[in-house]
Amino acid sequence: MLPTLTGVGRLTADPELRFTQSSKAVASIPLAFNSRRKNPQTNEWEDGDVFYVRGTAWERLAENAVETLAKGMEVIVTGDLRTERWEKDGQKHERPALLIRSIAPNLAFAVAQVSKDAASQQGQGGGQRPPQNQQRGQGQQQRRSGPPPNDDPWAVDAAKGYSDEPPF
């Protein structure tokens, strides 16, 4: 069983999206975790040790991360730690890696407009190549006119301003 990491880190570069030969989306998300603390004598912030790790997200999570996250953002992330191994020019190499299960911006330092992604709205599996006209980092919530779908558990009764039914 692989160890699970849950922590607050910072993106050291923009996430990069690519696709496997079978058209599955995969994103590379480089992260840094550090032990920053305030020195009580100088009242200044000091950086301690830093743990760098390459995070990998798959399918819809990969696509959503690339659309949402950017270099320098502080994120809250959970994933499985593992070791990547490869051989290059006869030399064996290894480094820590993180298989990301969930990732989100830290709302202490960012404002987010949350909406379901298009694949969730259409009930599709996701992880496929997006249409050519999609742009990275739009960050805008799409507004729809008209009433919410009948099966929307979070729908609000416009007359009352709330729903009597719990969404579960």
N, C-alpha and C. Protein backbone atom coordinates (compact mmCIF):
# COMPACT_ATOMS: atom_id res chain seq x y z
N MET A 1 0.85 -1.18 0.00
CA MET A 1 0.00 0.00 0.00
C MET A 1 0.89 1.24 0.00
N LEU A 2 0.57 2.18 -0.88
CA LEU A 2 1.35 3.40 -0.99
C LEU A 2 0.94 4.40 0.09
N PRO A 3 1.89 5.20 0.59
CA PRO A 3 1.53 6.22 1.57
C PRO A 3 0.73 7.34 0.91
N THR A 4 -0.23 7.88 1.64
CA THR A 4 -1.06 8.98 1.15
C THR A 4 -0.53 10.28 1.71
N LEU A 5 -0.46 11.29 0.85
CA LEU A 5 -0.03 12.63 1.25
C LEU A 5 -1.22 13.57 1.12
N THR A 6 -1.48 14.31 2.15
CA THR A 6 -2.45 15.40 2.09
C THR A 6 -1.72 16.62 2.63
N GLY A 7 -1.67 17.68 1.82
CA GLY A 7 -0.93 18.84 2.27
C GLY A 7 -1.21 20.07 1.44
N VAL A 8 -0.57 21.14 1.87
CA VAL A 8 -0.68 22.43 1.19
C VAL A 8 0.64 22.68 0.50
N GLY A 9 0.59 22.86 -0.81
CA GLY A 9 1.80 23.09 -1.59
C GLY A 9 1.59 24.23 -2.56
N ARG A 10 2.61 24.46 -3.38
CA ARG A 10 2.56 25.54 -4.36
C ARG A 10 3.01 25.00 -5.71
N LEU A 11 2.32 25.40 -6.78
CA LEU A 11 2.71 24.98 -8.12
C LEU A 11 3.98 25.71 -8.53
N THR A 12 4.98 24.96 -8.98
CA THR A 12 6.24 25.57 -9.41
C THR A 12 6.24 25.88 -10.91
N ALA A 13 5.20 25.44 -11.61
CA ALA A 13 5.03 25.74 -13.04
C ALA A 13 3.56 25.50 -13.37
N ASP A 14 3.12 26.00 -14.52
CA ASP A 14 1.76 25.72 -14.98
C ASP A 14 1.62 24.22 -15.22
N PRO A 15 0.45 23.66 -14.92
CA PRO A 15 0.21 22.25 -15.25
C PRO A 15 0.28 22.07 -16.77
N GLU A 16 0.78 20.91 -17.19
CA GLU A 16 0.88 20.60 -18.62
C GLU A 16 -0.02 19.41 -18.94
N LEU A 17 -0.88 19.59 -19.94
CA LEU A 17 -1.80 18.54 -20.35
C LEU A 17 -1.30 17.86 -21.61
N ARG A 18 -1.37 16.54 -21.62
CA ARG A 18 -1.06 15.77 -22.82
C ARG A 18 -2.03 14.60 -22.86
N PHE A 19 -1.97 13.83 -23.92
CA PHE A 19 -2.90 12.71 -24.09
C PHE A 19 -2.14 11.45 -24.42
N THR A 20 -2.58 10.33 -23.86
CA THR A 20 -1.98 9.04 -24.16
C THR A 20 -2.41 8.62 -25.56
N GLN A 21 -1.81 7.53 -26.07
CA GLN A 21 -2.19 7.03 -27.39
C GLN A 21 -3.67 6.63 -27.44
N SER A 22 -4.23 6.26 -26.29
CA SER A 22 -5.65 5.89 -26.24
C SER A 22 -6.53 7.10 -25.91
N SER A 23 -5.98 8.32 -26.04
CA SER A 23 -6.70 9.59 -25.87
C SER A 23 -7.12 9.89 -24.43
N LYS A 24 -6.45 9.30 -23.45
CA LYS A 24 -6.74 9.65 -22.06
C LYS A 24 -5.92 10.88 -21.68
N ALA A 25 -6.57 11.83 -21.01
CA ALA A 25 -5.90 13.06 -20.57
C ALA A 25 -5.03 12.77 -19.36
N VAL A 26 -3.83 13.35 -19.35
CA VAL A 26 -2.92 13.24 -18.21
C VAL A 26 -2.23 14.60 -18.05
N ALA A 27 -2.19 15.08 -16.81
CA ALA A 27 -1.56 16.37 -16.52
C ALA A 27 -0.38 16.17 -15.59
N SER A 28 0.70 16.87 -15.90
CA SER A 28 1.87 16.91 -15.04
C SER A 28 1.79 18.20 -14.23
N ILE A 29 1.81 18.07 -12.91
CA ILE A 29 1.64 19.23 -12.02
C ILE A 29 2.81 19.26 -11.03
N PRO A 30 3.82 20.11 -11.28
CA PRO A 30 4.98 20.18 -10.38
C PRO A 30 4.64 20.97 -9.11
N LEU A 31 4.94 20.37 -7.96
CA LEU A 31 4.58 20.95 -6.67
C LEU A 31 5.79 21.10 -5.76
N ALA A 32 5.70 22.08 -4.85
CA ALA A 32 6.71 22.25 -3.81
C ALA A 32 5.98 22.39 -2.47
N PHE A 33 6.45 21.67 -1.48
CA PHE A 33 5.93 21.76 -0.12
C PHE A 33 7.08 22.26 0.74
N ASN A 34 6.84 23.31 1.54
CA ASN A 34 7.93 23.78 2.39
C ASN A 34 7.45 24.04 3.81
N SER A 35 8.41 24.19 4.68
CA SER A 35 8.12 24.43 6.09
C SER A 35 8.49 25.87 6.43
N ARG A 36 7.69 26.80 5.94
CA ARG A 36 7.93 28.22 6.20
C ARG A 36 7.43 28.56 7.60
N ARG A 37 8.23 29.34 8.31
CA ARG A 37 7.84 29.72 9.67
C ARG A 37 8.37 31.11 10.00
N LYS A 38 7.73 31.72 10.97
CA LYS A 38 8.11 33.07 11.38
C LYS A 38 9.16 32.99 12.48
N ASN A 39 10.27 33.67 12.26
CA ASN A 39 11.34 33.73 13.25
C ASN A 39 10.92 34.71 14.34
N PRO A 40 10.75 34.23 15.58
CA PRO A 40 10.27 35.11 16.65
C PRO A 40 11.27 36.23 17.00
N GLN A 41 12.55 36.01 16.73
CA GLN A 41 13.56 37.03 17.07
C GLN A 41 13.58 38.17 16.06
N THR A 42 13.48 37.82 14.78
CA THR A 42 13.54 38.86 13.73
C THR A 42 12.15 39.27 13.24
N ASN A 43 11.12 38.49 13.62
CA ASN A 43 9.75 38.72 13.16
C ASN A 43 9.63 38.63 11.64
N GLU A 44 10.54 37.90 11.00
CA GLU A 44 10.55 37.71 9.55
C GLU A 44 10.20 36.26 9.23
N TRP A 45 9.63 36.05 8.04
CA TRP A 45 9.34 34.69 7.58
C TRP A 45 10.60 34.08 7.00
N GLU A 46 10.84 32.80 7.35
CA GLU A 46 12.01 32.07 6.84
C GLU A 46 11.54 30.76 6.22
N ASP A 47 12.12 30.44 5.07
CA ASP A 47 11.81 29.17 4.42
C ASP A 47 12.69 28.07 4.97
N GLY A 48 12.06 26.95 5.28
CA GLY A 48 12.80 25.79 5.76
C GLY A 48 13.05 24.83 4.61
N ASP A 49 13.09 23.55 4.93
CA ASP A 49 13.30 22.53 3.91
C ASP A 49 12.15 22.54 2.90
N VAL A 50 12.48 22.15 1.66
CA VAL A 50 11.48 22.09 0.60
C VAL A 50 11.46 20.68 0.03
N PHE A 51 10.26 20.15 -0.18
CA PHE A 51 10.07 18.85 -0.81
C PHE A 51 9.42 19.11 -2.16
N TYR A 52 10.15 18.81 -3.24
CA TYR A 52 9.63 18.97 -4.60
C TYR A 52 9.12 17.61 -5.08
N VAL A 53 7.98 17.62 -5.73
CA VAL A 53 7.42 16.38 -6.25
C VAL A 53 6.64 16.68 -7.53
N ARG A 54 6.73 15.76 -8.47
CA ARG A 54 5.95 15.88 -9.70
C ARG A 54 4.63 15.17 -9.49
N GLY A 55 3.54 15.92 -9.57
CA GLY A 55 2.21 15.34 -9.43
C GLY A 55 1.66 14.96 -10.80
N THR A 56 0.87 13.90 -10.83
CA THR A 56 0.22 13.47 -12.05
C THR A 56 -1.26 13.29 -11.77
N ALA A 57 -2.09 13.90 -12.62
CA ALA A 57 -3.54 13.75 -12.53
C ALA A 57 -4.04 13.16 -13.85
N TRP A 58 -5.11 12.40 -13.78
CA TRP A 58 -5.63 11.71 -14.96
C TRP A 58 -7.06 12.13 -15.27
N GLU A 59 -7.42 12.00 -16.52
CA GLU A 59 -8.75 12.16 -17.07
C GLU A 59 -9.38 13.50 -16.70
N ARG A 60 -10.62 13.52 -16.21
CA ARG A 60 -11.29 14.80 -15.96
C ARG A 60 -10.55 15.64 -14.94
N LEU A 61 -9.98 15.01 -13.91
CA LEU A 61 -9.21 15.77 -12.93
C LEU A 61 -8.05 16.50 -13.61
N ALA A 62 -7.39 15.85 -14.54
CA ALA A 62 -6.28 16.47 -15.28
C ALA A 62 -6.76 17.68 -16.06
N GLU A 63 -7.85 17.50 -16.80
CA GLU A 63 -8.37 18.60 -17.61
C GLU A 63 -8.82 19.77 -16.74
N ASN A 64 -9.52 19.48 -15.64
CA ASN A 64 -9.99 20.54 -14.75
C ASN A 64 -8.83 21.26 -14.08
N ALA A 65 -7.79 20.53 -13.70
CA ALA A 65 -6.62 21.16 -13.07
C ALA A 65 -5.94 22.12 -14.03
N VAL A 66 -5.79 21.72 -15.28
CA VAL A 66 -5.14 22.58 -16.28
C VAL A 66 -5.98 23.83 -16.52
N GLU A 67 -7.30 23.70 -16.51
CA GLU A 67 -8.19 24.85 -16.72
C GLU A 67 -8.19 25.80 -15.53
N THR A 68 -7.90 25.30 -14.33
CA THR A 68 -8.09 26.06 -13.11
C THR A 68 -6.80 26.59 -12.50
N LEU A 69 -5.73 25.80 -12.53
CA LEU A 69 -4.52 26.11 -11.76
C LEU A 69 -3.42 26.73 -12.60
N ALA A 70 -2.54 27.50 -11.94
CA ALA A 70 -1.43 28.15 -12.62
C ALA A 70 -0.23 28.23 -11.68
N LYS A 71 0.93 28.45 -12.26
CA LYS A 71 2.18 28.58 -11.51
C LYS A 71 2.02 29.58 -10.36
N GLY A 72 2.54 29.20 -9.19
CA GLY A 72 2.52 30.07 -8.03
C GLY A 72 1.32 29.91 -7.13
N MET A 73 0.26 29.26 -7.60
CA MET A 73 -0.94 29.08 -6.78
C MET A 73 -0.67 28.13 -5.63
N GLU A 74 -1.23 28.47 -4.47
CA GLU A 74 -1.19 27.56 -3.34
C GLU A 74 -2.39 26.63 -3.47
N VAL A 75 -2.14 25.33 -3.33
CA VAL A 75 -3.18 24.33 -3.50
C VAL A 75 -3.22 23.37 -2.32
N ILE A 76 -4.37 22.77 -2.14
CA ILE A 76 -4.54 21.69 -1.18
C ILE A 76 -4.66 20.43 -2.02
N VAL A 77 -3.82 19.45 -1.74
CA VAL A 77 -3.72 18.28 -2.60
C VAL A 77 -3.69 16.99 -1.78
N THR A 78 -4.28 15.95 -2.33
CA THR A 78 -4.24 14.61 -1.74
C THR A 78 -3.86 13.63 -2.84
N GLY A 79 -2.98 12.71 -2.50
CA GLY A 79 -2.58 11.72 -3.48
C GLY A 79 -1.72 10.63 -2.87
N ASP A 80 -1.33 9.68 -3.72
CA ASP A 80 -0.51 8.56 -3.29
C ASP A 80 0.94 8.81 -3.70
N LEU A 81 1.84 8.76 -2.72
CA LEU A 81 3.27 8.89 -3.00
C LEU A 81 3.80 7.60 -3.58
N ARG A 82 4.66 7.73 -4.57
CA ARG A 82 5.30 6.56 -5.17
C ARG A 82 6.67 6.97 -5.67
N THR A 83 7.42 6.03 -6.19
CA THR A 83 8.74 6.31 -6.74
C THR A 83 8.72 6.02 -8.23
N GLU A 84 9.11 7.01 -9.03
CA GLU A 84 9.26 6.80 -10.47
C GLU A 84 10.68 6.35 -10.73
N ARG A 85 10.83 5.32 -11.56
CA ARG A 85 12.16 4.80 -11.90
C ARG A 85 12.30 4.74 -13.41
N TRP A 86 13.48 5.11 -13.91
CA TRP A 86 13.74 5.02 -15.35
C TRP A 86 15.24 4.91 -15.57
N GLU A 87 15.60 4.52 -16.76
CA GLU A 87 17.00 4.39 -17.13
C GLU A 87 17.25 5.27 -18.35
N LYS A 88 18.33 6.05 -18.29
CA LYS A 88 18.69 6.92 -19.40
C LYS A 88 20.20 6.88 -19.56
N ASP A 89 20.64 6.60 -20.77
CA ASP A 89 22.07 6.52 -21.08
C ASP A 89 22.80 5.55 -20.15
N GLY A 90 22.15 4.44 -19.83
CA GLY A 90 22.75 3.43 -18.98
C GLY A 90 22.73 3.75 -17.50
N GLN A 91 22.24 4.92 -17.12
CA GLN A 91 22.17 5.33 -15.72
C GLN A 91 20.75 5.12 -15.20
N LYS A 92 20.64 4.56 -14.00
CA LYS A 92 19.34 4.38 -13.37
C LYS A 92 19.02 5.64 -12.56
N HIS A 93 17.77 6.09 -12.69
CA HIS A 93 17.31 7.28 -11.97
C HIS A 93 16.03 6.96 -11.23
N GLU A 94 15.76 7.72 -10.19
CA GLU A 94 14.49 7.62 -9.49
C GLU A 94 14.19 8.94 -8.81
N ARG A 95 12.90 9.20 -8.64
CA ARG A 95 12.46 10.41 -7.95
C ARG A 95 11.08 10.17 -7.36
N PRO A 96 10.72 10.95 -6.33
CA PRO A 96 9.38 10.81 -5.78
C PRO A 96 8.35 11.36 -6.76
N ALA A 97 7.16 10.80 -6.73
CA ALA A 97 6.05 11.25 -7.57
C ALA A 97 4.77 11.16 -6.75
N LEU A 98 3.79 11.93 -7.17
CA LEU A 98 2.51 11.95 -6.47
C LEU A 98 1.40 11.69 -7.47
N LEU A 99 0.65 10.61 -7.27
CA LEU A 99 -0.52 10.31 -8.07
C LEU A 99 -1.68 11.07 -7.42
N ILE A 100 -2.08 12.18 -8.02
CA ILE A 100 -3.04 13.09 -7.42
C ILE A 100 -4.46 12.52 -7.49
N ARG A 101 -5.12 12.50 -6.35
CA ARG A 101 -6.52 12.06 -6.25
C ARG A 101 -7.46 13.26 -6.20
N SER A 102 -7.02 14.36 -5.56
CA SER A 102 -7.80 15.60 -5.53
C SER A 102 -6.85 16.77 -5.37
N ILE A 103 -7.24 17.92 -5.95
CA ILE A 103 -6.43 19.12 -5.87
C ILE A 103 -7.35 20.32 -6.05
N ALA A 104 -7.10 21.38 -5.27
CA ALA A 104 -7.93 22.58 -5.34
C ALA A 104 -7.13 23.78 -4.88
N PRO A 105 -7.48 24.97 -5.37
CA PRO A 105 -6.81 26.17 -4.90
C PRO A 105 -7.15 26.42 -3.43
N ASN A 106 -6.20 26.98 -2.69
CA ASN A 106 -6.42 27.33 -1.30
C ASN A 106 -7.20 28.64 -1.27
N LEU A 107 -8.42 28.61 -0.78
CA LEU A 107 -9.28 29.78 -0.80
C LEU A 107 -8.85 30.85 0.20
N ALA A 108 -7.81 30.60 0.98
CA ALA A 108 -7.25 31.65 1.82
C ALA A 108 -6.51 32.68 0.96
N PHE A 109 -6.13 32.28 -0.27
CA PHE A 109 -5.35 33.16 -1.14
C PHE A 109 -5.94 33.30 -2.53
N ALA A 110 -7.13 32.77 -2.77
CA ALA A 110 -7.73 32.84 -4.10
C ALA A 110 -9.24 32.86 -3.97
N VAL A 111 -9.89 33.36 -5.01
CA VAL A 111 -11.34 33.33 -5.10
C VAL A 111 -11.68 32.38 -6.23
N ALA A 112 -12.61 31.49 -6.00
CA ALA A 112 -12.96 30.51 -7.03
C ALA A 112 -14.42 30.62 -7.39
N GLN A 113 -14.72 30.47 -8.66
CA GLN A 113 -16.08 30.36 -9.16
C GLN A 113 -16.27 28.89 -9.50
N VAL A 114 -17.01 28.18 -8.69
CA VAL A 114 -17.14 26.73 -8.87
C VAL A 114 -18.36 26.41 -9.72
N SER A 115 -18.16 25.57 -10.71
CA SER A 115 -19.27 25.08 -11.53
C SER A 115 -18.93 23.68 -11.98
N LYS A 116 -19.95 22.89 -12.28
CA LYS A 116 -19.71 21.56 -12.80
C LYS A 116 -19.07 21.69 -14.17
N ASP A 117 -18.14 20.79 -14.48
CA ASP A 117 -17.53 20.82 -15.81
C ASP A 117 -18.52 20.29 -16.85
N ALA A 118 -18.25 20.57 -18.11
CA ALA A 118 -19.16 20.20 -19.19
C ALA A 118 -19.43 18.70 -19.23
N ALA A 119 -18.41 17.88 -18.98
CA ALA A 119 -18.60 16.43 -19.02
C ALA A 119 -19.56 15.97 -17.92
N SER A 120 -19.51 16.61 -16.74
CA SER A 120 -20.43 16.27 -15.66
C SER A 120 -21.85 16.67 -16.02
N GLN A 121 -21.99 17.83 -16.65
CA GLN A 121 -23.31 18.31 -17.05
C GLN A 121 -23.96 17.38 -18.06
N GLN A 122 -23.15 16.82 -18.96
CA GLN A 122 -23.67 15.96 -20.02
C GLN A 122 -23.66 14.49 -19.64
N GLY A 123 -23.16 14.17 -18.43
CA GLY A 123 -23.12 12.79 -17.98
C GLY A 123 -22.10 11.95 -18.71
N GLN A 124 -21.06 12.59 -19.26
CA GLN A 124 -20.03 11.85 -19.99
C GLN A 124 -18.90 11.47 -19.04
N GLY A 125 -18.09 10.52 -19.49
CA GLY A 125 -16.97 10.04 -18.69
C GLY A 125 -15.85 11.04 -18.57
N GLY A 126 -15.61 11.84 -19.57
CA GLY A 126 -14.52 12.82 -19.52
C GLY A 126 -13.19 12.16 -19.82
N GLY A 127 -12.14 12.94 -19.76
CA GLY A 127 -10.80 12.43 -20.02
C GLY A 127 -10.49 12.34 -21.49
N GLN A 128 -11.36 12.82 -22.35
CA GLN A 128 -11.12 12.77 -23.79
C GLN A 128 -10.61 14.12 -24.25
N ARG A 129 -10.08 14.14 -25.46
CA ARG A 129 -9.57 15.40 -26.01
C ARG A 129 -10.68 16.45 -26.06
N PRO A 130 -10.39 17.68 -25.55
CA PRO A 130 -11.40 18.72 -25.55
C PRO A 130 -11.56 19.31 -26.94
N PRO A 131 -12.69 19.97 -27.21
CA PRO A 131 -12.86 20.65 -28.50
C PRO A 131 -11.78 21.71 -28.68
N GLN A 132 -11.45 21.99 -29.93
CA GLN A 132 -10.36 22.92 -30.23
C GLN A 132 -10.62 24.32 -29.73
N ASN A 133 -11.89 24.72 -29.56
CA ASN A 133 -12.15 26.10 -29.18
C ASN A 133 -12.10 26.34 -27.68
N GLN A 134 -11.84 25.32 -26.86
CA GLN A 134 -11.71 25.54 -25.42
C GLN A 134 -10.38 26.22 -25.14
N GLN A 135 -10.40 27.19 -24.24
CA GLN A 135 -9.18 27.91 -23.88
C GLN A 135 -8.82 27.62 -22.45
N ARG A 136 -7.53 27.56 -22.18
CA ARG A 136 -7.03 27.31 -20.84
C ARG A 136 -7.26 28.53 -19.97
N GLY A 137 -7.66 28.27 -18.73
CA GLY A 137 -7.73 29.32 -17.74
C GLY A 137 -8.86 30.31 -17.92
N GLN A 138 -9.97 29.91 -18.55
CA GLN A 138 -11.08 30.84 -18.71
C GLN A 138 -11.58 31.31 -17.36
N GLY A 139 -11.72 30.36 -16.41
CA GLY A 139 -12.06 30.72 -15.04
C GLY A 139 -13.41 31.39 -14.88
N GLN A 140 -14.23 31.44 -15.89
CA GLN A 140 -15.53 32.08 -15.80
C GLN A 140 -16.61 31.01 -15.65
N GLN A 141 -17.53 31.27 -14.76
CA GLN A 141 -18.64 30.36 -14.58
C GLN A 141 -19.63 30.60 -15.71
N GLN A 142 -20.07 29.53 -16.34
CA GLN A 142 -21.04 29.66 -17.42
C GLN A 142 -22.41 29.87 -16.80
N ARG A 143 -23.14 30.86 -17.30
CA ARG A 143 -24.47 31.16 -16.81
C ARG A 143 -25.49 30.62 -17.80
N ARG A 144 -26.49 29.94 -17.29
CA ARG A 144 -27.56 29.42 -18.13
C ARG A 144 -28.84 30.14 -17.74
N SER A 145 -29.67 30.40 -18.73
CA SER A 145 -30.96 31.00 -18.43
C SER A 145 -31.99 29.88 -18.30
N GLY A 146 -33.07 30.20 -17.62
CA GLY A 146 -34.13 29.21 -17.45
C GLY A 146 -33.99 28.48 -16.13
N PRO A 147 -35.00 27.67 -15.80
CA PRO A 147 -34.99 26.96 -14.52
C PRO A 147 -33.95 25.84 -14.52
N PRO A 148 -33.49 25.45 -13.33
CA PRO A 148 -32.55 24.33 -13.26
C PRO A 148 -33.25 23.03 -13.62
N PRO A 149 -32.49 22.01 -14.00
CA PRO A 149 -33.11 20.72 -14.33
C PRO A 149 -33.88 20.16 -13.13
N ASN A 150 -34.92 19.37 -13.42
CA ASN A 150 -35.74 18.79 -12.36
C ASN A 150 -34.95 17.88 -11.43
N ASP A 151 -33.88 17.27 -11.93
CA ASP A 151 -33.11 16.34 -11.11
C ASP A 151 -31.94 17.02 -10.39
N ASP A 152 -31.87 18.36 -10.40
CA ASP A 152 -30.78 19.08 -9.74
C ASP A 152 -31.03 19.12 -8.24
N PRO A 153 -30.24 18.38 -7.42
CA PRO A 153 -30.49 18.32 -5.98
C PRO A 153 -30.21 19.64 -5.27
N TRP A 154 -29.49 20.57 -5.89
CA TRP A 154 -29.14 21.83 -5.25
C TRP A 154 -30.04 22.97 -5.74
N ALA A 155 -31.07 22.63 -6.52
CA ALA A 155 -31.95 23.66 -7.07
C ALA A 155 -32.65 24.41 -5.93
N VAL A 156 -32.88 25.68 -6.16
CA VAL A 156 -33.52 26.53 -5.17
C VAL A 156 -34.89 26.94 -5.69
N ASP A 157 -35.88 26.87 -4.83
CA ASP A 157 -37.22 27.34 -5.18
C ASP A 157 -37.18 28.86 -5.22
N ALA A 158 -37.39 29.44 -6.40
CA ALA A 158 -37.27 30.89 -6.57
C ALA A 158 -38.26 31.64 -5.69
N ALA A 159 -39.45 31.08 -5.45
CA ALA A 159 -40.45 31.76 -4.63
C ALA A 159 -40.02 31.83 -3.18
N LYS A 160 -39.42 30.75 -2.67
CA LYS A 160 -39.00 30.70 -1.26
C LYS A 160 -37.56 31.15 -1.07
N GLY A 161 -36.72 31.03 -2.10
CA GLY A 161 -35.31 31.39 -1.97
C GLY A 161 -34.46 30.27 -1.40
N TYR A 162 -35.07 29.11 -1.16
CA TYR A 162 -34.32 27.97 -0.65
C TYR A 162 -35.09 26.70 -0.98
N SER A 163 -34.51 25.56 -0.69
CA SER A 163 -35.15 24.28 -0.94
C SER A 163 -35.43 23.61 0.40
N ASP A 164 -36.62 23.01 0.52
CA ASP A 164 -36.97 22.28 1.73
C ASP A 164 -36.30 20.91 1.79
N GLU A 165 -35.88 20.41 0.64
CA GLU A 165 -35.33 19.07 0.56
C GLU A 165 -33.80 19.08 0.65
N PRO A 166 -33.23 18.20 1.48
CA PRO A 166 -31.77 18.09 1.49
C PRO A 166 -31.30 17.48 0.16
N PRO A 167 -30.11 17.81 -0.28
CA PRO A 167 -29.62 17.33 -1.59
C PRO A 167 -29.08 15.91 -1.56
N PHE A 168 -29.48 15.10 -0.59
CA PHE A 168 -28.99 13.73 -0.53
C PHE A 168 -30.09 12.79 -0.16
